[in-house]
Amino acid sequence: MGLLSGLTRNPFLLTGLSSWLIAQVLKVLLHAALTGQLRWERLFGDGGMPSGHAATVTALAVLVGLVYGTDSFAFAVCGILAVIVCHDAMGVRLETGRQAAAINRLLRESREPSREVLKEFVGHTPAQVAVGALIGGANAFLMHRLLFL
């Protein structure tokens, strides 16, 4: 089996990536519903509702738990990784976005020409992470039924 065919048949990779895609498409649609602007760049953007990061790592951890058991080494690694990623998204990355917003506001008020605008959508609120995790978990259960039963 070649490298590419192995990647396309890996249920863990497919589950994580499909969970990310579901979350990101929902992010685009929710952003459009709230702002009236369809911005496709949000498909690959960070921050916002729901968290694609949380969806991805939760899907992987849940699928590994379903396949190998929650007492397995693989689940321990994936579970800890998921906790770290979700915690980071709600902590450091959320604060980074808030700081960027404050700096951008100061730059606008100073009317400095040609200043680079800092990216504000980098982190997630707990609700955004929770919804992303629910999407990932639900997708993992669905993929487990489709791919393993």
N, C-alpha and C. Protein backbone atom coordinates (compact mmCIF):
# COMPACT_ATOMS: atom_id res chain seq x y z
N MET A 1 0.85 -1.18 0.00
CA MET A 1 0.00 0.00 0.00
C MET A 1 0.89 1.24 0.00
N GLY A 2 0.64 2.16 -0.90
CA GLY A 2 1.43 3.37 -1.01
C GLY A 2 1.08 4.37 0.08
N LEU A 3 1.92 5.36 0.20
CA LEU A 3 1.73 6.38 1.22
C LEU A 3 0.39 7.08 1.08
N LEU A 4 0.06 7.52 -0.12
CA LEU A 4 -1.18 8.25 -0.33
C LEU A 4 -2.40 7.38 -0.09
N SER A 5 -2.38 6.14 -0.57
CA SER A 5 -3.55 5.28 -0.36
C SER A 5 -3.68 4.93 1.12
N GLY A 6 -2.56 4.83 1.82
CA GLY A 6 -2.63 4.58 3.26
C GLY A 6 -3.26 5.75 4.00
N LEU A 7 -2.93 6.96 3.57
CA LEU A 7 -3.52 8.15 4.20
C LEU A 7 -5.02 8.24 3.93
N THR A 8 -5.42 7.93 2.71
CA THR A 8 -6.83 8.05 2.35
C THR A 8 -7.68 6.93 2.95
N ARG A 9 -7.04 5.89 3.46
CA ARG A 9 -7.78 4.78 4.09
C ARG A 9 -7.65 4.77 5.60
N ASN A 10 -6.98 5.76 6.15
CA ASN A 10 -6.78 5.81 7.60
C ASN A 10 -8.03 6.38 8.26
N PRO A 11 -8.80 5.55 8.97
CA PRO A 11 -10.06 6.04 9.55
C PRO A 11 -9.85 7.11 10.61
N PHE A 12 -8.72 7.10 11.29
CA PHE A 12 -8.46 8.09 12.33
C PHE A 12 -8.18 9.45 11.70
N LEU A 13 -7.39 9.45 10.64
CA LEU A 13 -7.11 10.69 9.91
C LEU A 13 -8.39 11.22 9.25
N LEU A 14 -9.14 10.34 8.61
CA LEU A 14 -10.38 10.76 7.94
C LEU A 14 -11.39 11.33 8.94
N THR A 15 -11.48 10.73 10.11
CA THR A 15 -12.42 11.21 11.13
C THR A 15 -12.00 12.57 11.66
N GLY A 16 -10.72 12.74 11.95
CA GLY A 16 -10.24 14.04 12.43
C GLY A 16 -10.43 15.13 11.39
N LEU A 17 -10.03 14.83 10.14
CA LEU A 17 -10.15 15.83 9.08
C LEU A 17 -11.60 16.16 8.74
N SER A 18 -12.47 15.15 8.72
CA SER A 18 -13.87 15.43 8.41
C SER A 18 -14.52 16.23 9.54
N SER A 19 -14.11 16.00 10.77
CA SER A 19 -14.64 16.78 11.89
C SER A 19 -14.20 18.24 11.77
N TRP A 20 -12.93 18.44 11.41
CA TRP A 20 -12.43 19.79 11.20
C TRP A 20 -13.22 20.48 10.09
N LEU A 21 -13.45 19.77 8.98
CA LEU A 21 -14.17 20.35 7.84
C LEU A 21 -15.60 20.72 8.22
N ILE A 22 -16.28 19.84 8.94
CA ILE A 22 -17.65 20.13 9.38
C ILE A 22 -17.67 21.40 10.23
N ALA A 23 -16.75 21.49 11.19
CA ALA A 23 -16.70 22.65 12.07
C ALA A 23 -16.39 23.92 11.28
N GLN A 24 -15.47 23.84 10.34
CA GLN A 24 -15.08 25.02 9.59
C GLN A 24 -16.19 25.49 8.66
N VAL A 25 -16.91 24.56 8.03
CA VAL A 25 -18.03 24.95 7.17
C VAL A 25 -19.12 25.60 8.03
N LEU A 26 -19.39 25.03 9.19
CA LEU A 26 -20.37 25.65 10.10
C LEU A 26 -19.91 27.04 10.53
N LYS A 27 -18.61 27.21 10.72
CA LYS A 27 -18.06 28.52 11.10
C LYS A 27 -18.36 29.56 10.01
N VAL A 28 -18.17 29.18 8.75
CA VAL A 28 -18.46 30.08 7.64
C VAL A 28 -19.94 30.44 7.61
N LEU A 29 -20.79 29.42 7.76
CA LEU A 29 -22.24 29.65 7.70
C LEU A 29 -22.74 30.48 8.88
N LEU A 30 -22.24 30.21 10.08
CA LEU A 30 -22.65 30.99 11.25
C LEU A 30 -22.18 32.44 11.14
N HIS A 31 -20.95 32.62 10.66
CA HIS A 31 -20.43 33.98 10.47
C HIS A 31 -21.31 34.73 9.45
N ALA A 32 -21.70 34.06 8.38
CA ALA A 32 -22.56 34.69 7.37
C ALA A 32 -23.93 35.03 7.95
N ALA A 33 -24.48 34.14 8.76
CA ALA A 33 -25.79 34.39 9.36
C ALA A 33 -25.75 35.57 10.33
N LEU A 34 -24.65 35.70 11.06
CA LEU A 34 -24.54 36.76 12.06
C LEU A 34 -24.16 38.12 11.47
N THR A 35 -23.34 38.10 10.42
CA THR A 35 -22.83 39.37 9.87
C THR A 35 -23.44 39.73 8.52
N GLY A 36 -24.09 38.78 7.87
CA GLY A 36 -24.62 39.02 6.53
C GLY A 36 -23.55 38.98 5.46
N GLN A 37 -22.34 38.54 5.82
CA GLN A 37 -21.23 38.47 4.86
C GLN A 37 -20.73 37.05 4.77
N LEU A 38 -20.73 36.52 3.55
CA LEU A 38 -20.19 35.18 3.31
C LEU A 38 -18.70 35.33 3.04
N ARG A 39 -17.89 34.98 4.03
CA ARG A 39 -16.44 35.13 3.92
C ARG A 39 -15.80 33.76 3.93
N TRP A 40 -15.44 33.26 2.74
CA TRP A 40 -14.89 31.91 2.61
C TRP A 40 -13.52 31.78 3.26
N GLU A 41 -12.82 32.89 3.47
CA GLU A 41 -11.53 32.80 4.14
C GLU A 41 -11.68 32.30 5.59
N ARG A 42 -12.88 32.41 6.15
CA ARG A 42 -13.15 31.87 7.49
C ARG A 42 -13.04 30.34 7.49
N LEU A 43 -13.14 29.72 6.29
CA LEU A 43 -13.01 28.27 6.20
C LEU A 43 -11.66 27.80 6.72
N PHE A 44 -10.63 28.59 6.52
CA PHE A 44 -9.29 28.24 6.98
C PHE A 44 -8.82 29.11 8.14
N GLY A 45 -9.74 29.93 8.67
CA GLY A 45 -9.38 30.84 9.75
C GLY A 45 -9.48 30.21 11.12
N ASP A 46 -8.75 30.78 12.04
CA ASP A 46 -8.80 30.35 13.44
C ASP A 46 -9.86 31.15 14.17
N GLY A 47 -10.17 30.72 15.38
CA GLY A 47 -11.13 31.43 16.21
C GLY A 47 -12.54 31.31 15.68
N GLY A 48 -13.48 31.72 16.51
CA GLY A 48 -14.88 31.70 16.11
C GLY A 48 -15.60 30.42 16.47
N MET A 49 -16.89 30.41 16.18
CA MET A 49 -17.79 29.31 16.53
C MET A 49 -18.03 28.45 15.31
N PRO A 50 -17.87 27.15 15.44
CA PRO A 50 -17.30 26.35 16.52
C PRO A 50 -15.79 26.19 16.33
N SER A 51 -15.15 25.61 17.32
CA SER A 51 -13.70 25.40 17.26
C SER A 51 -13.37 24.18 16.40
N GLY A 52 -12.68 24.41 15.29
CA GLY A 52 -12.21 23.31 14.45
C GLY A 52 -11.11 22.52 15.15
N HIS A 53 -10.32 23.21 15.97
CA HIS A 53 -9.28 22.53 16.73
C HIS A 53 -9.90 21.50 17.68
N ALA A 54 -10.91 21.94 18.43
CA ALA A 54 -11.55 21.04 19.39
C ALA A 54 -12.25 19.89 18.67
N ALA A 55 -12.88 20.17 17.55
CA ALA A 55 -13.56 19.13 16.78
C ALA A 55 -12.57 18.06 16.33
N THR A 56 -11.42 18.50 15.84
CA THR A 56 -10.41 17.57 15.31
C THR A 56 -9.84 16.67 16.40
N VAL A 57 -9.34 17.27 17.47
CA VAL A 57 -8.68 16.45 18.50
C VAL A 57 -9.67 15.62 19.30
N THR A 58 -10.88 16.12 19.50
CA THR A 58 -11.89 15.33 20.20
C THR A 58 -12.31 14.14 19.36
N ALA A 59 -12.49 14.35 18.06
CA ALA A 59 -12.86 13.24 17.18
C ALA A 59 -11.81 12.15 17.22
N LEU A 60 -10.56 12.54 17.15
CA LEU A 60 -9.48 11.55 17.18
C LEU A 60 -9.48 10.79 18.51
N ALA A 61 -9.58 11.51 19.62
CA ALA A 61 -9.56 10.85 20.93
C ALA A 61 -10.75 9.91 21.10
N VAL A 62 -11.93 10.35 20.70
CA VAL A 62 -13.13 9.51 20.86
C VAL A 62 -13.02 8.26 19.98
N LEU A 63 -12.61 8.41 18.73
CA LEU A 63 -12.50 7.25 17.86
C LEU A 63 -11.44 6.27 18.38
N VAL A 64 -10.32 6.78 18.82
CA VAL A 64 -9.29 5.90 19.39
C VAL A 64 -9.84 5.18 20.62
N GLY A 65 -10.59 5.89 21.46
CA GLY A 65 -11.21 5.25 22.62
C GLY A 65 -12.20 4.16 22.24
N LEU A 66 -12.97 4.42 21.20
CA LEU A 66 -13.95 3.42 20.75
C LEU A 66 -13.28 2.19 20.15
N VAL A 67 -12.19 2.39 19.42
CA VAL A 67 -11.52 1.29 18.73
C VAL A 67 -10.59 0.52 19.66
N TYR A 68 -9.76 1.23 20.40
CA TYR A 68 -8.73 0.58 21.20
C TYR A 68 -9.05 0.51 22.69
N GLY A 69 -10.09 1.21 23.11
CA GLY A 69 -10.47 1.22 24.52
C GLY A 69 -9.88 2.42 25.24
N THR A 70 -10.59 2.85 26.26
CA THR A 70 -10.12 4.01 27.02
C THR A 70 -8.98 3.66 27.96
N ASP A 71 -8.63 2.39 28.05
CA ASP A 71 -7.50 1.99 28.88
C ASP A 71 -6.22 1.80 28.05
N SER A 72 -6.26 2.20 26.77
CA SER A 72 -5.12 1.99 25.89
C SER A 72 -4.14 3.16 25.95
N PHE A 73 -2.90 2.86 25.60
CA PHE A 73 -1.87 3.89 25.48
C PHE A 73 -2.28 4.93 24.44
N ALA A 74 -2.82 4.47 23.31
CA ALA A 74 -3.20 5.38 22.22
C ALA A 74 -4.26 6.39 22.69
N PHE A 75 -5.23 5.90 23.47
CA PHE A 75 -6.26 6.82 23.97
C PHE A 75 -5.66 7.82 24.96
N ALA A 76 -4.75 7.36 25.80
CA ALA A 76 -4.11 8.27 26.76
C ALA A 76 -3.41 9.41 26.03
N VAL A 77 -2.66 9.09 24.99
CA VAL A 77 -1.94 10.11 24.23
C VAL A 77 -2.93 11.06 23.57
N CYS A 78 -3.94 10.52 22.89
CA CYS A 78 -4.91 11.36 22.19
C CYS A 78 -5.75 12.19 23.17
N GLY A 79 -6.13 11.59 24.28
CA GLY A 79 -6.92 12.31 25.27
C GLY A 79 -6.16 13.48 25.88
N ILE A 80 -4.91 13.25 26.24
CA ILE A 80 -4.10 14.32 26.80
C ILE A 80 -3.85 15.41 25.76
N LEU A 81 -3.58 15.01 24.53
CA LEU A 81 -3.40 15.99 23.46
C LEU A 81 -4.66 16.84 23.29
N ALA A 82 -5.82 16.21 23.32
CA ALA A 82 -7.08 16.94 23.16
C ALA A 82 -7.27 17.96 24.28
N VAL A 83 -6.97 17.56 25.51
CA VAL A 83 -7.11 18.48 26.64
C VAL A 83 -6.17 19.67 26.48
N ILE A 84 -4.92 19.40 26.09
CA ILE A 84 -3.95 20.48 25.92
C ILE A 84 -4.38 21.44 24.81
N VAL A 85 -4.80 20.91 23.67
CA VAL A 85 -5.21 21.76 22.55
C VAL A 85 -6.41 22.62 22.93
N CYS A 86 -7.42 22.01 23.55
CA CYS A 86 -8.62 22.76 23.93
C CYS A 86 -8.31 23.80 25.00
N HIS A 87 -7.49 23.44 25.97
CA HIS A 87 -7.12 24.39 27.02
C HIS A 87 -6.35 25.57 26.42
N ASP A 88 -5.43 25.28 25.52
CA ASP A 88 -4.65 26.33 24.88
C ASP A 88 -5.55 27.26 24.06
N ALA A 89 -6.51 26.69 23.35
CA ALA A 89 -7.42 27.51 22.53
C ALA A 89 -8.22 28.48 23.38
N MET A 90 -8.59 28.05 24.59
CA MET A 90 -9.38 28.90 25.48
C MET A 90 -8.51 29.82 26.34
N GLY A 91 -7.22 29.53 26.42
CA GLY A 91 -6.35 30.30 27.29
C GLY A 91 -5.46 31.25 26.52
N VAL A 92 -4.28 30.78 26.20
CA VAL A 92 -3.26 31.63 25.56
C VAL A 92 -3.78 32.23 24.26
N ARG A 93 -4.38 31.40 23.40
CA ARG A 93 -4.81 31.90 22.10
C ARG A 93 -5.96 32.88 22.22
N LEU A 94 -6.87 32.66 23.17
CA LEU A 94 -7.97 33.61 23.37
C LEU A 94 -7.42 34.96 23.85
N GLU A 95 -6.50 34.92 24.79
CA GLU A 95 -5.89 36.16 25.29
C GLU A 95 -5.10 36.87 24.20
N THR A 96 -4.43 36.12 23.34
CA THR A 96 -3.69 36.71 22.23
C THR A 96 -4.64 37.49 21.33
N GLY A 97 -5.80 36.93 21.05
CA GLY A 97 -6.80 37.62 20.22
C GLY A 97 -7.31 38.89 20.89
N ARG A 98 -7.53 38.82 22.19
CA ARG A 98 -7.99 40.00 22.92
C ARG A 98 -6.91 41.09 22.91
N GLN A 99 -5.67 40.71 23.08
CA GLN A 99 -4.58 41.68 23.04
C GLN A 99 -4.45 42.29 21.65
N ALA A 100 -4.60 41.47 20.61
CA ALA A 100 -4.54 41.98 19.24
C ALA A 100 -5.64 43.00 19.00
N ALA A 101 -6.84 42.73 19.51
CA ALA A 101 -7.96 43.67 19.34
C ALA A 101 -7.64 45.01 20.01
N ALA A 102 -7.06 44.94 21.20
CA ALA A 102 -6.72 46.17 21.93
C ALA A 102 -5.63 46.95 21.19
N ILE A 103 -4.62 46.24 20.70
CA ILE A 103 -3.54 46.90 19.95
C ILE A 103 -4.08 47.51 18.66
N ASN A 104 -4.93 46.77 17.94
CA ASN A 104 -5.52 47.30 16.70
C ASN A 104 -6.33 48.57 16.99
N ARG A 105 -7.08 48.56 18.09
CA ARG A 105 -7.88 49.73 18.47
C ARG A 105 -6.95 50.93 18.74
N LEU A 106 -5.86 50.70 19.46
CA LEU A 106 -4.90 51.78 19.73
C LEU A 106 -4.28 52.31 18.44
N LEU A 107 -3.95 51.40 17.52
CA LEU A 107 -3.36 51.83 16.24
C LEU A 107 -4.35 52.65 15.42
N ARG A 108 -5.62 52.25 15.42
CA ARG A 108 -6.64 53.01 14.68
C ARG A 108 -6.79 54.42 15.28
N GLU A 109 -6.78 54.48 16.61
CA GLU A 109 -6.94 55.78 17.27
C GLU A 109 -5.73 56.68 17.06
N SER A 110 -4.55 56.10 16.91
CA SER A 110 -3.34 56.91 16.71
C SER A 110 -3.20 57.37 15.27
N ARG A 111 -3.96 56.78 14.39
CA ARG A 111 -3.95 57.11 12.96
C ARG A 111 -2.55 56.98 12.35
N GLU A 112 -1.83 55.99 12.82
CA GLU A 112 -0.51 55.70 12.25
C GLU A 112 -0.69 55.12 10.84
N PRO A 113 -0.05 55.71 9.83
CA PRO A 113 -0.20 55.17 8.47
C PRO A 113 0.55 53.85 8.31
N SER A 114 0.02 53.02 7.46
CA SER A 114 0.61 51.75 7.03
C SER A 114 1.01 50.82 8.18
N ARG A 115 0.21 50.75 9.20
CA ARG A 115 0.45 49.81 10.28
C ARG A 115 -0.24 48.49 9.95
N GLU A 116 0.44 47.40 10.22
CA GLU A 116 -0.14 46.07 9.98
C GLU A 116 -1.22 45.81 11.02
N VAL A 117 -2.35 45.30 10.57
CA VAL A 117 -3.44 44.95 11.48
C VAL A 117 -3.19 43.54 12.00
N LEU A 118 -3.24 43.38 13.31
CA LEU A 118 -3.01 42.08 13.93
C LEU A 118 -4.25 41.21 13.83
N LYS A 119 -4.04 39.93 13.72
CA LYS A 119 -5.13 38.96 13.61
C LYS A 119 -5.80 38.81 14.98
N GLU A 120 -7.12 39.03 15.01
CA GLU A 120 -7.87 38.99 16.26
C GLU A 120 -8.55 37.64 16.50
N PHE A 121 -8.90 36.94 15.44
CA PHE A 121 -9.56 35.64 15.58
C PHE A 121 -8.51 34.54 15.69
N VAL A 122 -8.04 34.28 16.89
CA VAL A 122 -7.04 33.22 17.07
C VAL A 122 -7.43 32.23 18.16
N GLY A 123 -8.29 32.60 19.06
CA GLY A 123 -8.66 31.73 20.17
C GLY A 123 -10.14 31.44 20.20
N HIS A 124 -10.55 30.76 21.25
CA HIS A 124 -11.94 30.35 21.38
C HIS A 124 -12.45 30.55 22.80
N THR A 125 -13.74 30.84 22.89
CA THR A 125 -14.40 30.87 24.18
C THR A 125 -14.70 29.42 24.60
N PRO A 126 -14.98 29.20 25.87
CA PRO A 126 -15.35 27.84 26.29
C PRO A 126 -16.53 27.27 25.50
N ALA A 127 -17.51 28.10 25.17
CA ALA A 127 -18.67 27.61 24.41
C ALA A 127 -18.26 27.17 23.00
N GLN A 128 -17.37 27.91 22.37
CA GLN A 128 -16.90 27.54 21.03
C GLN A 128 -16.13 26.23 21.06
N VAL A 129 -15.34 26.02 22.10
CA VAL A 129 -14.61 24.77 22.26
C VAL A 129 -15.58 23.62 22.53
N ALA A 130 -16.56 23.86 23.39
CA ALA A 130 -17.53 22.82 23.72
C ALA A 130 -18.32 22.38 22.49
N VAL A 131 -18.75 23.32 21.68
CA VAL A 131 -19.50 22.97 20.46
C VAL A 131 -18.60 22.22 19.49
N GLY A 132 -17.36 22.66 19.34
CA GLY A 132 -16.42 21.94 18.49
C GLY A 132 -16.20 20.52 18.98
N ALA A 133 -16.05 20.35 20.29
CA ALA A 133 -15.86 19.01 20.87
C ALA A 133 -17.09 18.14 20.64
N LEU A 134 -18.27 18.71 20.76
CA LEU A 134 -19.50 17.94 20.50
C LEU A 134 -19.57 17.50 19.04
N ILE A 135 -19.19 18.38 18.13
CA ILE A 135 -19.18 18.02 16.70
C ILE A 135 -18.19 16.88 16.47
N GLY A 136 -17.00 17.01 17.02
CA GLY A 136 -15.98 15.98 16.85
C GLY A 136 -16.40 14.65 17.45
N GLY A 137 -16.96 14.70 18.65
CA GLY A 137 -17.41 13.47 19.31
C GLY A 137 -18.52 12.79 18.53
N ALA A 138 -19.50 13.57 18.09
CA ALA A 138 -20.61 13.01 17.33
C ALA A 138 -20.12 12.41 16.01
N ASN A 139 -19.21 13.11 15.34
CA ASN A 139 -18.68 12.59 14.09
C ASN A 139 -17.89 11.31 14.32
N ALA A 140 -17.16 11.24 15.42
CA ALA A 140 -16.40 10.03 15.72
C ALA A 140 -17.32 8.83 15.92
N PHE A 141 -18.43 9.03 16.62
CA PHE A 141 -19.39 7.93 16.80
C PHE A 141 -19.97 7.51 15.46
N LEU A 142 -20.30 8.48 14.61
CA LEU A 142 -20.84 8.18 13.28
C LEU A 142 -19.82 7.43 12.43
N MET A 143 -18.59 7.93 12.40
CA MET A 143 -17.54 7.29 11.60
C MET A 143 -17.23 5.89 12.13
N HIS A 144 -17.29 5.72 13.43
CA HIS A 144 -17.05 4.39 14.00
C HIS A 144 -18.09 3.40 13.49
N ARG A 145 -19.33 3.83 13.47
CA ARG A 145 -20.41 2.95 12.95
C ARG A 145 -20.22 2.67 11.47
N LEU A 146 -19.83 3.68 10.72
CA LEU A 146 -19.68 3.52 9.27
C LEU A 146 -18.42 2.71 8.89
N LEU A 147 -17.34 2.92 9.60
CA LEU A 147 -16.06 2.34 9.18
C LEU A 147 -15.66 1.07 9.92
N PHE A 148 -16.23 0.82 11.10
CA PHE A 148 -15.76 -0.29 11.90
C PHE A 148 -16.82 -1.36 12.16
N LEU A 149 -18.07 -1.10 11.79
CA LEU A 149 -19.13 -2.09 12.05
C LEU A 149 -19.69 -2.66 10.77
